[in-house]
Amino acid sequence: LVDIHKEWVQEALRTNDLGRNEAWSKSLAVGSESFVLGTQD
């Protein structure tokens, strides 16, 4: 987990993938289609 977490953060910083995405903070659920459908139900 430590290695993957560090790698993902470094990649986001390297590619400047820092944009805001309101999906993570202003939606009811985020995930696969089956997860979101299940949550909706």
PDB file of all heavy atoms in Angstrom:
ATOM      1  N   LEU A   1       0.829  -1.202   0.000  1.00  0.00           N
ATOM      2  CA  LEU A   1       0.000   0.000   0.000  1.00  0.00           C
ATOM      3  C   LEU A   1       0.865   1.254   0.000  1.00  0.00           C
ATOM      4  O   LEU A   1       0.616   2.200  -0.755  1.00  0.00           O
ATOM      5  CB  LEU A   1      -0.917   0.008   1.221  1.00  0.00           C
ATOM      6  CG  LEU A   1      -1.651   1.331   1.492  1.00  0.00           C
ATOM      7  CD1 LEU A   1      -2.681   1.614   0.391  1.00  0.00           C
ATOM      8  CD2 LEU A   1      -2.332   1.310   2.864  1.00  0.00           C
ATOM      9  N   VAL A   2       1.890   1.266   0.851  1.00  0.00           N
ATOM     10  CA  VAL A   2       2.782   2.427   0.944  1.00  0.00           C
ATOM     11  C   VAL A   2       3.420   2.716  -0.409  1.00  0.00           C
ATOM     12  O   VAL A   2       3.462   3.870  -0.862  1.00  0.00           O
ATOM     13  CB  VAL A   2       3.856   2.189   2.015  1.00  0.00           C
ATOM     14  CG1 VAL A   2       4.908   3.299   1.982  1.00  0.00           C
ATOM     15  CG2 VAL A   2       3.221   2.113   3.405  1.00  0.00           C
ATOM     16  N   ASP A   3       3.909   1.682  -1.076  1.00  0.00           N
ATOM     17  CA  ASP A   3       4.573   1.869  -2.370  1.00  0.00           C
ATOM     18  C   ASP A   3       3.599   2.367  -3.426  1.00  0.00           C
ATOM     19  O   ASP A   3       3.912   3.300  -4.188  1.00  0.00           O
ATOM     20  CB  ASP A   3       5.198   0.547  -2.830  1.00  0.00           C
ATOM     21  CG  ASP A   3       6.397   0.136  -1.986  1.00  0.00           C
ATOM     22  OD1 ASP A   3       6.947   1.007  -1.279  1.00  0.00           O
ATOM     23  OD2 ASP A   3       6.764  -1.051  -2.021  1.00  0.00           O
ATOM     24  N   ILE A   4       2.425   1.751  -3.511  1.00  0.00           N
ATOM     25  CA  ILE A   4       1.447   2.152  -4.523  1.00  0.00           C
ATOM     26  C   ILE A   4       0.945   3.561  -4.262  1.00  0.00           C
ATOM     27  O   ILE A   4       0.817   4.377  -5.196  1.00  0.00           O
ATOM     28  CB  ILE A   4       0.275   1.144  -4.555  1.00  0.00           C
ATOM     29  CG1 ILE A   4       0.757  -0.208  -5.079  1.00  0.00           C
ATOM     30  CG2 ILE A   4      -0.884   1.670  -5.405  1.00  0.00           C
ATOM     31  CD1 ILE A   4      -0.262  -1.317  -4.966  1.00  0.00           C
ATOM     32  N   HIS A   5       0.672   3.878  -3.018  1.00  0.00           N
ATOM     33  CA  HIS A   5       0.212   5.216  -2.652  1.00  0.00           C
ATOM     34  C   HIS A   5       1.239   6.275  -3.040  1.00  0.00           C
ATOM     35  O   HIS A   5       0.900   7.301  -3.656  1.00  0.00           O
ATOM     36  CB  HIS A   5      -0.051   5.241  -1.139  1.00  0.00           C
ATOM     37  CG  HIS A   5      -0.401   6.580  -0.597  1.00  0.00           C
ATOM     38  ND1 HIS A   5       0.417   7.263   0.282  1.00  0.00           N
ATOM     39  CD2 HIS A   5      -1.479   7.387  -0.791  1.00  0.00           C
ATOM     40  CE1 HIS A   5      -0.141   8.399   0.609  1.00  0.00           C
ATOM     41  NE2 HIS A   5      -1.287   8.504  -0.029  1.00  0.00           N
ATOM     42  N   LYS A   6       2.481   6.034  -2.702  1.00  0.00           N
ATOM     43  CA  LYS A   6       3.544   6.995  -3.048  1.00  0.00           C
ATOM     44  C   LYS A   6       3.672   7.147  -4.553  1.00  0.00           C
ATOM     45  O   LYS A   6       3.820   8.269  -5.066  1.00  0.00           O
ATOM     46  CB  LYS A   6       4.867   6.518  -2.447  1.00  0.00           C
ATOM     47  CG  LYS A   6       6.017   7.497  -2.633  1.00  0.00           C
ATOM     48  CD  LYS A   6       7.262   7.002  -1.912  1.00  0.00           C
ATOM     49  CE  LYS A   6       8.401   8.005  -2.042  1.00  0.00           C
ATOM     50  NZ  LYS A   6       9.606   7.550  -1.303  1.00  0.00           N
ATOM     51  N   GLU A   7       3.585   6.030  -5.276  1.00  0.00           N
ATOM     52  CA  GLU A   7       3.703   6.059  -6.732  1.00  0.00           C
ATOM     53  C   GLU A   7       2.568   6.861  -7.364  1.00  0.00           C
ATOM     54  O   GLU A   7       2.803   7.667  -8.282  1.00  0.00           O
ATOM     55  CB  GLU A   7       3.699   4.630  -7.259  1.00  0.00           C
ATOM     56  CG  GLU A   7       3.784   4.511  -8.775  1.00  0.00           C
ATOM     57  CD  GLU A   7       3.700   3.071  -9.246  1.00  0.00           C
ATOM     58  OE1 GLU A   7       4.014   2.170  -8.453  1.00  0.00           O
ATOM     59  OE2 GLU A   7       3.286   2.856 -10.401  1.00  0.00           O
ATOM     60  N   TRP A   8       1.341   6.675  -6.880  1.00  0.00           N
ATOM     61  CA  TRP A   8       0.196   7.383  -7.446  1.00  0.00           C
ATOM     62  C   TRP A   8       0.308   8.884  -7.183  1.00  0.00           C
ATOM     63  O   TRP A   8      -0.016   9.701  -8.057  1.00  0.00           O
ATOM     64  CB  TRP A   8      -1.103   6.826  -6.864  1.00  0.00           C
ATOM     65  CG  TRP A   8      -1.561   5.562  -7.520  1.00  0.00           C
ATOM     66  CD1 TRP A   8      -0.774   4.528  -7.954  1.00  0.00           C
ATOM     67  CD2 TRP A   8      -2.906   5.195  -7.814  1.00  0.00           C
ATOM     68  NE1 TRP A   8      -1.553   3.536  -8.481  1.00  0.00           N
ATOM     69  CE2 TRP A   8      -2.867   3.909  -8.415  1.00  0.00           C
ATOM     70  CE3 TRP A   8      -4.134   5.799  -7.619  1.00  0.00           C
ATOM     71  CZ2 TRP A   8      -4.013   3.246  -8.827  1.00  0.00           C
ATOM     72  CZ3 TRP A   8      -5.290   5.130  -8.031  1.00  0.00           C
ATOM     73  CH2 TRP A   8      -5.224   3.881  -8.629  1.00  0.00           C
ATOM     74  N   VAL A   9       0.740   9.261  -6.001  1.00  0.00           N
ATOM     75  CA  VAL A   9       0.905  10.686  -5.688  1.00  0.00           C
ATOM     76  C   VAL A   9       1.991  11.290  -6.561  1.00  0.00           C
ATOM     77  O   VAL A   9       1.817  12.378  -7.143  1.00  0.00           O
ATOM     78  CB  VAL A   9       1.225  10.883  -4.196  1.00  0.00           C
ATOM     79  CG1 VAL A   9       1.662  12.325  -3.922  1.00  0.00           C
ATOM     80  CG2 VAL A   9       0.013  10.540  -3.333  1.00  0.00           C
ATOM     81  N   GLN A  10       3.116  10.605  -6.699  1.00  0.00           N
ATOM     82  CA  GLN A  10       4.211  11.115  -7.519  1.00  0.00           C
ATOM     83  C   GLN A  10       3.802  11.257  -8.974  1.00  0.00           C
ATOM     84  O   GLN A  10       4.171  12.224  -9.642  1.00  0.00           O
ATOM     85  CB  GLN A  10       5.428  10.198  -7.389  1.00  0.00           C
ATOM     86  CG  GLN A  10       6.115  10.272  -6.032  1.00  0.00           C
ATOM     87  CD  GLN A  10       7.267   9.291  -5.908  1.00  0.00           C
ATOM     88  OE1 GLN A  10       7.299   8.252  -6.568  1.00  0.00           O
ATOM     89  NE2 GLN A  10       8.214   9.613  -5.048  1.00  0.00           N
ATOM     90  N   GLU A  11       3.006  10.298  -9.469  1.00  0.00           N
ATOM     91  CA  GLU A  11       2.555  10.363 -10.857  1.00  0.00           C
ATOM     92  C   GLU A  11       1.615  11.543 -11.073  1.00  0.00           C
ATOM     93  O   GLU A  11       1.702  12.244 -12.094  1.00  0.00           O
ATOM     94  CB  GLU A  11       1.858   9.057 -11.242  1.00  0.00           C
ATOM     95  CG  GLU A  11       1.310   9.017 -12.659  1.00  0.00           C
ATOM     96  CD  GLU A  11       2.392   9.072 -13.725  1.00  0.00           C
ATOM     97  OE1 GLU A  11       3.586   8.912 -13.396  1.00  0.00           O
ATOM     98  OE2 GLU A  11       2.024   9.292 -14.898  1.00  0.00           O
ATOM     99  N   ALA A  12       0.734  11.786 -10.123  1.00  0.00           N
ATOM    100  CA  ALA A  12      -0.177  12.931 -10.231  1.00  0.00           C
ATOM    101  C   ALA A  12       0.599  14.245 -10.227  1.00  0.00           C
ATOM    102  O   ALA A  12       0.279  15.173 -10.989  1.00  0.00           O
ATOM    103  CB  ALA A  12      -1.182  12.910  -9.086  1.00  0.00           C
ATOM    104  N   LEU A  13       1.625  14.326  -9.401  1.00  0.00           N
ATOM    105  CA  LEU A  13       2.445  15.536  -9.356  1.00  0.00           C
ATOM    106  C   LEU A  13       3.263  15.682 -10.642  1.00  0.00           C
ATOM    107  O   LEU A  13       3.400  16.789 -11.177  1.00  0.00           O
ATOM    108  CB  LEU A  13       3.381  15.491  -8.144  1.00  0.00           C
ATOM    109  CG  LEU A  13       2.707  15.570  -6.766  1.00  0.00           C
ATOM    110  CD1 LEU A  13       3.717  15.308  -5.666  1.00  0.00           C
ATOM    111  CD2 LEU A  13       2.045  16.925  -6.559  1.00  0.00           C
ATOM    112  N   ARG A  14       3.782  14.582 -11.139  1.00  0.00           N
ATOM    113  CA  ARG A  14       4.616  14.624 -12.346  1.00  0.00           C
ATOM    114  C   ARG A  14       3.819  15.065 -13.556  1.00  0.00           C
ATOM    115  O   ARG A  14       4.292  15.850 -14.385  1.00  0.00           O
ATOM    116  CB  ARG A  14       5.236  13.245 -12.604  1.00  0.00           C
ATOM    117  CG  ARG A  14       6.225  13.222 -13.766  1.00  0.00           C
ATOM    118  CD  ARG A  14       6.707  11.812 -14.048  1.00  0.00           C
ATOM    119  NE  ARG A  14       5.637  10.968 -14.563  1.00  0.00           N
ATOM    120  CZ  ARG A  14       5.238  10.970 -15.847  1.00  0.00           C
ATOM    121  NH1 ARG A  14       5.811  11.784 -16.731  1.00  0.00           N
ATOM    122  NH2 ARG A  14       4.278  10.170 -16.247  1.00  0.00           N
ATOM    123  N   THR A  15       2.584  14.574 -13.674  1.00  0.00           N
ATOM    124  CA  THR A  15       1.742  14.884 -14.832  1.00  0.00           C
ATOM    125  C   THR A  15       0.860  16.106 -14.598  1.00  0.00           C
ATOM    126  O   THR A  15       0.063  16.463 -15.469  1.00  0.00           O
ATOM    127  CB  THR A  15       0.854  13.682 -15.177  1.00  0.00           C
ATOM    128  OG1 THR A  15       0.017  13.373 -14.047  1.00  0.00           O
ATOM    129  CG2 THR A  15       1.714  12.482 -15.530  1.00  0.00           C
ATOM    130  N   ASN A  16       0.989  16.704 -13.415  1.00  0.00           N
ATOM    131  CA  ASN A  16       0.164  17.868 -13.040  1.00  0.00           C
ATOM    132  C   ASN A  16      -1.318  17.530 -13.090  1.00  0.00           C
ATOM    133  O   ASN A  16      -2.156  18.359 -13.465  1.00  0.00           O
ATOM    134  CB  ASN A  16       0.468  19.063 -13.945  1.00  0.00           C
ATOM    135  CG  ASN A  16       0.006  20.379 -13.330  1.00  0.00           C
ATOM    136  OD1 ASN A  16       0.045  20.569 -12.111  1.00  0.00           O
ATOM    137  ND2 ASN A  16      -0.456  21.294 -14.168  1.00  0.00           N
ATOM    138  N   ASP A  17      -1.656  16.307 -12.687  1.00  0.00           N
ATOM    139  CA  ASP A  17      -3.046  15.850 -12.658  1.00  0.00           C
ATOM    140  C   ASP A  17      -3.660  16.267 -11.318  1.00  0.00           C
ATOM    141  O   ASP A  17      -3.908  15.449 -10.440  1.00  0.00           O
ATOM    142  CB  ASP A  17      -3.095  14.334 -12.831  1.00  0.00           C
ATOM    143  CG  ASP A  17      -4.517  13.803 -12.924  1.00  0.00           C
ATOM    144  OD1 ASP A  17      -5.443  14.608 -13.129  1.00  0.00           O
ATOM    145  OD2 ASP A  17      -4.701  12.574 -12.780  1.00  0.00           O
ATOM    146  N   LEU A  18      -3.902  17.569 -11.191  1.00  0.00           N
ATOM    147  CA  LEU A  18      -4.298  18.136  -9.909  1.00  0.00           C
ATOM    148  C   LEU A  18      -5.660  18.822  -9.951  1.00  0.00           C
ATOM    149  O   LEU A  18      -6.059  19.477  -8.992  1.00  0.00           O
ATOM    150  CB  LEU A  18      -3.242  19.162  -9.437  1.00  0.00           C
ATOM    151  CG  LEU A  18      -1.806  18.648  -9.327  1.00  0.00           C
ATOM    152  CD1 LEU A  18      -0.861  19.796  -9.024  1.00  0.00           C
ATOM    153  CD2 LEU A  18      -1.702  17.575  -8.259  1.00  0.00           C
ATOM    154  N   GLY A  19      -6.351  18.692 -11.060  1.00  0.00           N
ATOM    155  CA  GLY A  19      -7.617  19.400 -11.208  1.00  0.00           C
ATOM    156  C   GLY A  19      -8.678  18.936 -10.223  1.00  0.00           C
ATOM    157  O   GLY A  19      -8.686  17.779  -9.778  1.00  0.00           O
ATOM    158  N   ARG A  20      -9.559  19.840  -9.888  1.00  0.00           N
ATOM    159  CA  ARG A  20     -10.674  19.496  -9.008  1.00  0.00           C
ATOM    160  C   ARG A  20     -11.673  18.626  -9.774  1.00  0.00           C
ATOM    161  O   ARG A  20     -11.938  18.850 -10.947  1.00  0.00           O
ATOM    162  CB  ARG A  20     -11.367  20.764  -8.500  1.00  0.00           C
ATOM    163  CG  ARG A  20     -10.479  21.632  -7.641  1.00  0.00           C
ATOM    164  CD  ARG A  20     -11.231  22.831  -7.087  1.00  0.00           C
ATOM    165  NE  ARG A  20     -10.355  23.722  -6.365  1.00  0.00           N
ATOM    166  CZ  ARG A  20      -9.969  23.544  -5.101  1.00  0.00           C
ATOM    167  NH1 ARG A  20     -10.405  22.495  -4.440  1.00  0.00           N
ATOM    168  NH2 ARG A  20      -9.158  24.390  -4.505  1.00  0.00           N
ATOM    169  N   ASN A  21     -12.223  17.663  -9.087  1.00  0.00           N
ATOM    170  CA  ASN A  21     -13.257  16.805  -9.668  1.00  0.00           C
ATOM    171  C   ASN A  21     -14.366  16.676  -8.643  1.00  0.00           C
ATOM    172  O   ASN A  21     -14.217  15.988  -7.636  1.00  0.00           O
ATOM    173  CB  ASN A  21     -12.691  15.433 -10.032  1.00  0.00           C
ATOM    174  CG  ASN A  21     -13.685  14.594 -10.805  1.00  0.00           C
ATOM    175  OD1 ASN A  21     -14.890  14.844 -10.758  1.00  0.00           O
ATOM    176  ND2 ASN A  21     -13.198  13.596 -11.510  1.00  0.00           N
ATOM    177  N   GLU A  22     -15.477  17.354  -8.898  1.00  0.00           N
ATOM    178  CA  GLU A  22     -16.566  17.393  -7.933  1.00  0.00           C
ATOM    179  C   GLU A  22     -17.251  16.045  -7.758  1.00  0.00           C
ATOM    180  O   GLU A  22     -18.058  15.876  -6.847  1.00  0.00           O
ATOM    181  CB  GLU A  22     -17.583  18.459  -8.342  1.00  0.00           C
ATOM    182  CG  GLU A  22     -17.028  19.876  -8.246  1.00  0.00           C
ATOM    183  CD  GLU A  22     -18.077  20.938  -8.520  1.00  0.00           C
ATOM    184  OE1 GLU A  22     -19.159  20.571  -9.051  1.00  0.00           O
ATOM    185  OE2 GLU A  22     -17.837  22.109  -8.198  1.00  0.00           O
ATOM    186  N   ALA A  23     -16.911  15.070  -8.619  1.00  0.00           N
ATOM    187  CA  ALA A  23     -17.481  13.733  -8.445  1.00  0.00           C
ATOM    188  C   ALA A  23     -17.155  13.178  -7.067  1.00  0.00           C
ATOM    189  O   ALA A  23     -17.976  12.491  -6.451  1.00  0.00           O
ATOM    190  CB  ALA A  23     -16.945  12.792  -9.520  1.00  0.00           C
ATOM    191  N   TRP A  24     -15.958  13.487  -6.550  1.00  0.00           N
ATOM    192  CA  TRP A  24     -15.519  12.931  -5.280  1.00  0.00           C
ATOM    193  C   TRP A  24     -16.175  13.599  -4.073  1.00  0.00           C
ATOM    194  O   TRP A  24     -16.173  13.037  -2.980  1.00  0.00           O
ATOM    195  CB  TRP A  24     -14.000  13.038  -5.146  1.00  0.00           C
ATOM    196  CG  TRP A  24     -13.266  12.295  -6.198  1.00  0.00           C
ATOM    197  CD1 TRP A  24     -12.519  12.832  -7.209  1.00  0.00           C
ATOM    198  CD2 TRP A  24     -13.211  10.875  -6.382  1.00  0.00           C
ATOM    199  NE1 TRP A  24     -12.007  11.838  -8.005  1.00  0.00           N
ATOM    200  CE2 TRP A  24     -12.418  10.628  -7.520  1.00  0.00           C
ATOM    201  CE3 TRP A  24     -13.760   9.798  -5.695  1.00  0.00           C
ATOM    202  CZ2 TRP A  24     -12.157   9.335  -7.984  1.00  0.00           C
ATOM    203  CZ3 TRP A  24     -13.503   8.505  -6.146  1.00  0.00           C
ATOM    204  CH2 TRP A  24     -12.706   8.288  -7.284  1.00  0.00           C
ATOM    205  N   SER A  25     -16.699  14.784  -4.246  1.00  0.00           N
ATOM    206  CA  SER A  25     -17.195  15.532  -3.080  1.00  0.00           C
ATOM    207  C   SER A  25     -18.612  16.066  -3.213  1.00  0.00           C
ATOM    208  O   SER A  25     -19.162  16.572  -2.232  1.00  0.00           O
ATOM    209  CB  SER A  25     -16.255  16.707  -2.782  1.00  0.00           C
ATOM    210  OG  SER A  25     -16.137  17.559  -3.904  1.00  0.00           O
ATOM    211  N   LYS A  26     -19.220  15.951  -4.399  1.00  0.00           N
ATOM    212  CA  LYS A  26     -20.559  16.506  -4.560  1.00  0.00           C
ATOM    213  C   LYS A  26     -21.548  15.518  -5.160  1.00  0.00           C
ATOM    214  O   LYS A  26     -22.611  15.918  -5.630  1.00  0.00           O
ATOM    215  CB  LYS A  26     -20.507  17.784  -5.414  1.00  0.00           C
ATOM    216  CG  LYS A  26     -19.844  18.951  -4.693  1.00  0.00           C
ATOM    217  CD  LYS A  26     -20.059  20.257  -5.443  1.00  0.00           C
ATOM    218  CE  LYS A  26     -19.494  21.428  -4.645  1.00  0.00           C
ATOM    219  NZ  LYS A  26     -19.724  22.723  -5.331  1.00  0.00           N
ATOM    220  N   SER A  27     -21.203  14.251  -5.145  1.00  0.00           N
ATOM    221  CA  SER A  27     -22.116  13.234  -5.659  1.00  0.00           C
ATOM    222  C   SER A  27     -22.574  12.333  -4.522  1.00  0.00           C
ATOM    223  O   SER A  27     -22.093  12.433  -3.398  1.00  0.00           O
ATOM    224  CB  SER A  27     -21.430  12.416  -6.755  1.00  0.00           C
ATOM    225  OG  SER A  27     -20.263  11.797  -6.241  1.00  0.00           O
ATOM    226  N   LEU A  28     -23.498  11.453  -4.829  1.00  0.00           N
ATOM    227  CA  LEU A  28     -23.978  10.505  -3.828  1.00  0.00           C
ATOM    228  C   LEU A  28     -23.110   9.264  -3.746  1.00  0.00           C
ATOM    229  O   LEU A  28     -22.979   8.664  -2.678  1.00  0.00           O
ATOM    230  CB  LEU A  28     -25.416  10.085  -4.162  1.00  0.00           C
ATOM    231  CG  LEU A  28     -26.512  11.118  -3.926  1.00  0.00           C
ATOM    232  CD1 LEU A  28     -27.812  10.644  -4.561  1.00  0.00           C
ATOM    233  CD2 LEU A  28     -26.713  11.342  -2.453  1.00  0.00           C
ATOM    234  N   ALA A  29     -22.526   8.853  -4.878  1.00  0.00           N
ATOM    235  CA  ALA A  29     -21.707   7.648  -4.904  1.00  0.00           C
ATOM    236  C   ALA A  29     -20.775   7.693  -6.104  1.00  0.00           C
ATOM    237  O   ALA A  29     -21.117   8.254  -7.149  1.00  0.00           O
ATOM    238  CB  ALA A  29     -22.578   6.397  -4.966  1.00  0.00           C
ATOM    239  N   VAL A  30     -19.598   7.071  -5.941  1.00  0.00           N
ATOM    240  CA  VAL A  30     -18.614   6.969  -7.010  1.00  0.00           C
ATOM    241  C   VAL A  30     -18.082   5.545  -7.039  1.00  0.00           C
ATOM    242  O   VAL A  30     -17.716   4.988  -5.993  1.00  0.00           O
ATOM    243  CB  VAL A  30     -17.437   7.951  -6.807  1.00  0.00           C
ATOM    244  CG1 VAL A  30     -16.395   7.753  -7.909  1.00  0.00           C
ATOM    245  CG2 VAL A  30     -17.915   9.392  -6.785  1.00  0.00           C
ATOM    246  N   GLY A  31     -18.030   4.955  -8.240  1.00  0.00           N
ATOM    247  CA  GLY A  31     -17.482   3.612  -8.357  1.00  0.00           C
ATOM    248  C   GLY A  31     -17.852   2.984  -9.687  1.00  0.00           C
ATOM    249  O   GLY A  31     -18.129   3.689 -10.669  1.00  0.00           O
ATOM    250  N   SER A  32     -17.882   1.673  -9.714  1.00  0.00           N
ATOM    251  CA  SER A  32     -18.301   0.954 -10.912  1.00  0.00           C
ATOM    252  C   SER A  32     -19.804   1.137 -11.112  1.00  0.00           C
ATOM    253  O   SER A  32     -20.527   1.556 -10.211  1.00  0.00           O
ATOM    254  CB  SER A  32     -17.980  -0.530 -10.772  1.00  0.00           C
ATOM    255  OG  SER A  32     -18.736  -1.102  -9.716  1.00  0.00           O
ATOM    256  N   GLU A  33     -20.266   0.772 -12.298  1.00  0.00           N
ATOM    257  CA  GLU A  33     -21.692   0.918 -12.576  1.00  0.00           C
ATOM    258  C   GLU A  33     -22.526   0.064 -11.621  1.00  0.00           C
ATOM    259  O   GLU A  33     -23.563   0.503 -11.126  1.00  0.00           O
ATOM    260  CB  GLU A  33     -21.993   0.543 -14.026  1.00  0.00           C
ATOM    261  CG  GLU A  33     -23.431   0.794 -14.429  1.00  0.00           C
ATOM    262  CD  GLU A  33     -23.689   0.544 -15.898  1.00  0.00           C
ATOM    263  OE1 GLU A  33     -22.858  -0.145 -16.539  1.00  0.00           O
ATOM    264  OE2 GLU A  33     -24.718   1.026 -16.416  1.00  0.00           O
ATOM    265  N   SER A  34     -22.062  -1.159 -11.344  1.00  0.00           N
ATOM    266  CA  SER A  34     -22.820  -2.033 -10.453  1.00  0.00           C
ATOM    267  C   SER A  34     -22.862  -1.484  -9.033  1.00  0.00           C
ATOM    268  O   SER A  34     -23.894  -1.572  -8.351  1.00  0.00           O
ATOM    269  CB  SER A  34     -22.219  -3.436 -10.457  1.00  0.00           C
ATOM    270  OG  SER A  34     -20.878  -3.417  -9.998  1.00  0.00           O
ATOM    271  N   PHE A  35     -21.756  -0.891  -8.562  1.00  0.00           N
ATOM    272  CA  PHE A  35     -21.736  -0.302  -7.221  1.00  0.00           C
ATOM    273  C   PHE A  35     -22.689   0.881  -7.127  1.00  0.00           C
ATOM    274  O   PHE A  35     -23.456   1.015  -6.170  1.00  0.00           O
ATOM    275  CB  PHE A  35     -20.317   0.162  -6.879  1.00  0.00           C
ATOM    276  CG  PHE A  35     -20.223   0.933  -5.594  1.00  0.00           C
ATOM    277  CD1 PHE A  35     -20.183   0.284  -4.365  1.00  0.00           C
ATOM    278  CD2 PHE A  35     -20.164   2.330  -5.596  1.00  0.00           C
ATOM    279  CE1 PHE A  35     -20.098   0.995  -3.172  1.00  0.00           C
ATOM    280  CE2 PHE A  35     -20.078   3.052  -4.416  1.00  0.00           C
ATOM    281  CZ  PHE A  35     -20.043   2.373  -3.198  1.00  0.00           C
ATOM    282  N   VAL A  36     -22.651   1.741  -8.130  1.00  0.00           N
ATOM    283  CA  VAL A  36     -23.504   2.931  -8.113  1.00  0.00           C
ATOM    284  C   VAL A  36     -24.979   2.528  -8.213  1.00  0.00           C
ATOM    285  O   VAL A  36     -25.834   3.091  -7.516  1.00  0.00           O
ATOM    286  CB  VAL A  36     -23.100   3.902  -9.241  1.00  0.00           C
ATOM    287  CG1 VAL A  36     -24.094   5.045  -9.355  1.00  0.00           C
ATOM    288  CG2 VAL A  36     -21.694   4.443  -8.982  1.00  0.00           C
ATOM    289  N   LEU A  37     -25.288   1.548  -9.060  1.00  0.00           N
ATOM    290  CA  LEU A  37     -26.665   1.061  -9.165  1.00  0.00           C
ATOM    291  C   LEU A  37     -27.132   0.459  -7.843  1.00  0.00           C
ATOM    292  O   LEU A  37     -28.268   0.678  -7.408  1.00  0.00           O
ATOM    293  CB  LEU A  37     -26.773   0.025 -10.272  1.00  0.00           C
ATOM    294  CG  LEU A  37     -26.816   0.555 -11.711  1.00  0.00           C
ATOM    295  CD1 LEU A  37     -26.607  -0.582 -12.703  1.00  0.00           C
ATOM    296  CD2 LEU A  37     -28.134   1.274 -11.981  1.00  0.00           C
ATOM    297  N   GLY A  38     -26.250  -0.298  -7.189  1.00  0.00           N
ATOM    298  CA  GLY A  38     -26.595  -0.889  -5.907  1.00  0.00           C
ATOM    299  C   GLY A  38     -26.826   0.159  -4.833  1.00  0.00           C
ATOM    300  O   GLY A  38     -27.749   0.037  -4.018  1.00  0.00           O
ATOM    301  N   THR A  39     -25.990   1.200  -4.840  1.00  0.00           N
ATOM    302  CA  THR A  39     -26.159   2.290  -3.874  1.00  0.00           C
ATOM    303  C   THR A  39     -27.472   3.021  -4.121  1.00  0.00           C
ATOM    304  O   THR A  39     -28.201   3.344  -3.179  1.00  0.00           O
ATOM    305  CB  THR A  39     -24.987   3.278  -3.971  1.00  0.00           C
ATOM    306  OG1 THR A  39     -23.754   2.581  -3.763  1.00  0.00           O
ATOM    307  CG2 THR A  39     -25.114   4.383  -2.926  1.00  0.00           C
ATOM    308  N   GLN A  40     -27.769   3.273  -5.381  1.00  0.00           N
ATOM    309  CA  GLN A  40     -29.023   3.929  -5.724  1.00  0.00           C
ATOM    310  C   GLN A  40     -30.216   3.134  -5.212  1.00  0.00           C
ATOM    311  O   GLN A  40     -31.162   3.696  -4.652  1.00  0.00           O
ATOM    312  CB  GLN A  40     -29.120   4.098  -7.239  1.00  0.00           C
ATOM    313  CG  GLN A  40     -30.372   4.849  -7.693  1.00  0.00           C
ATOM    314  CD  GLN A  40     -30.494   4.860  -9.210  1.00  0.00           C
ATOM    315  OE1 GLN A  40     -30.307   3.843  -9.866  1.00  0.00           O
ATOM    316  NE2 GLN A  40     -30.802   6.026  -9.762  1.00  0.00           N
ATOM    317  N   ASP A  41     -30.150   1.825  -5.349  1.00  0.00           N
ATOM    318  CA  ASP A  41     -31.237   0.972  -4.889  1.00  0.00           C
ATOM    319  C   ASP A  41     -31.359   1.011  -3.366  1.00  0.00           C
ATOM    320  O   ASP A  41     -32.467   1.091  -2.828  1.00  0.00           O
ATOM    321  CB  ASP A  41     -30.991  -0.462  -5.359  1.00  0.00           C
ATOM    322  CG  ASP A  41     -32.159  -1.388  -5.015  1.00  0.00           C
ATOM    323  OD1 ASP A  41     -33.290  -1.113  -5.458  1.00  0.00           O
ATOM    324  OD2 ASP A  41     -31.932  -2.370  -4.297  1.00  0.00           O
TER     325      ASP A  41
END
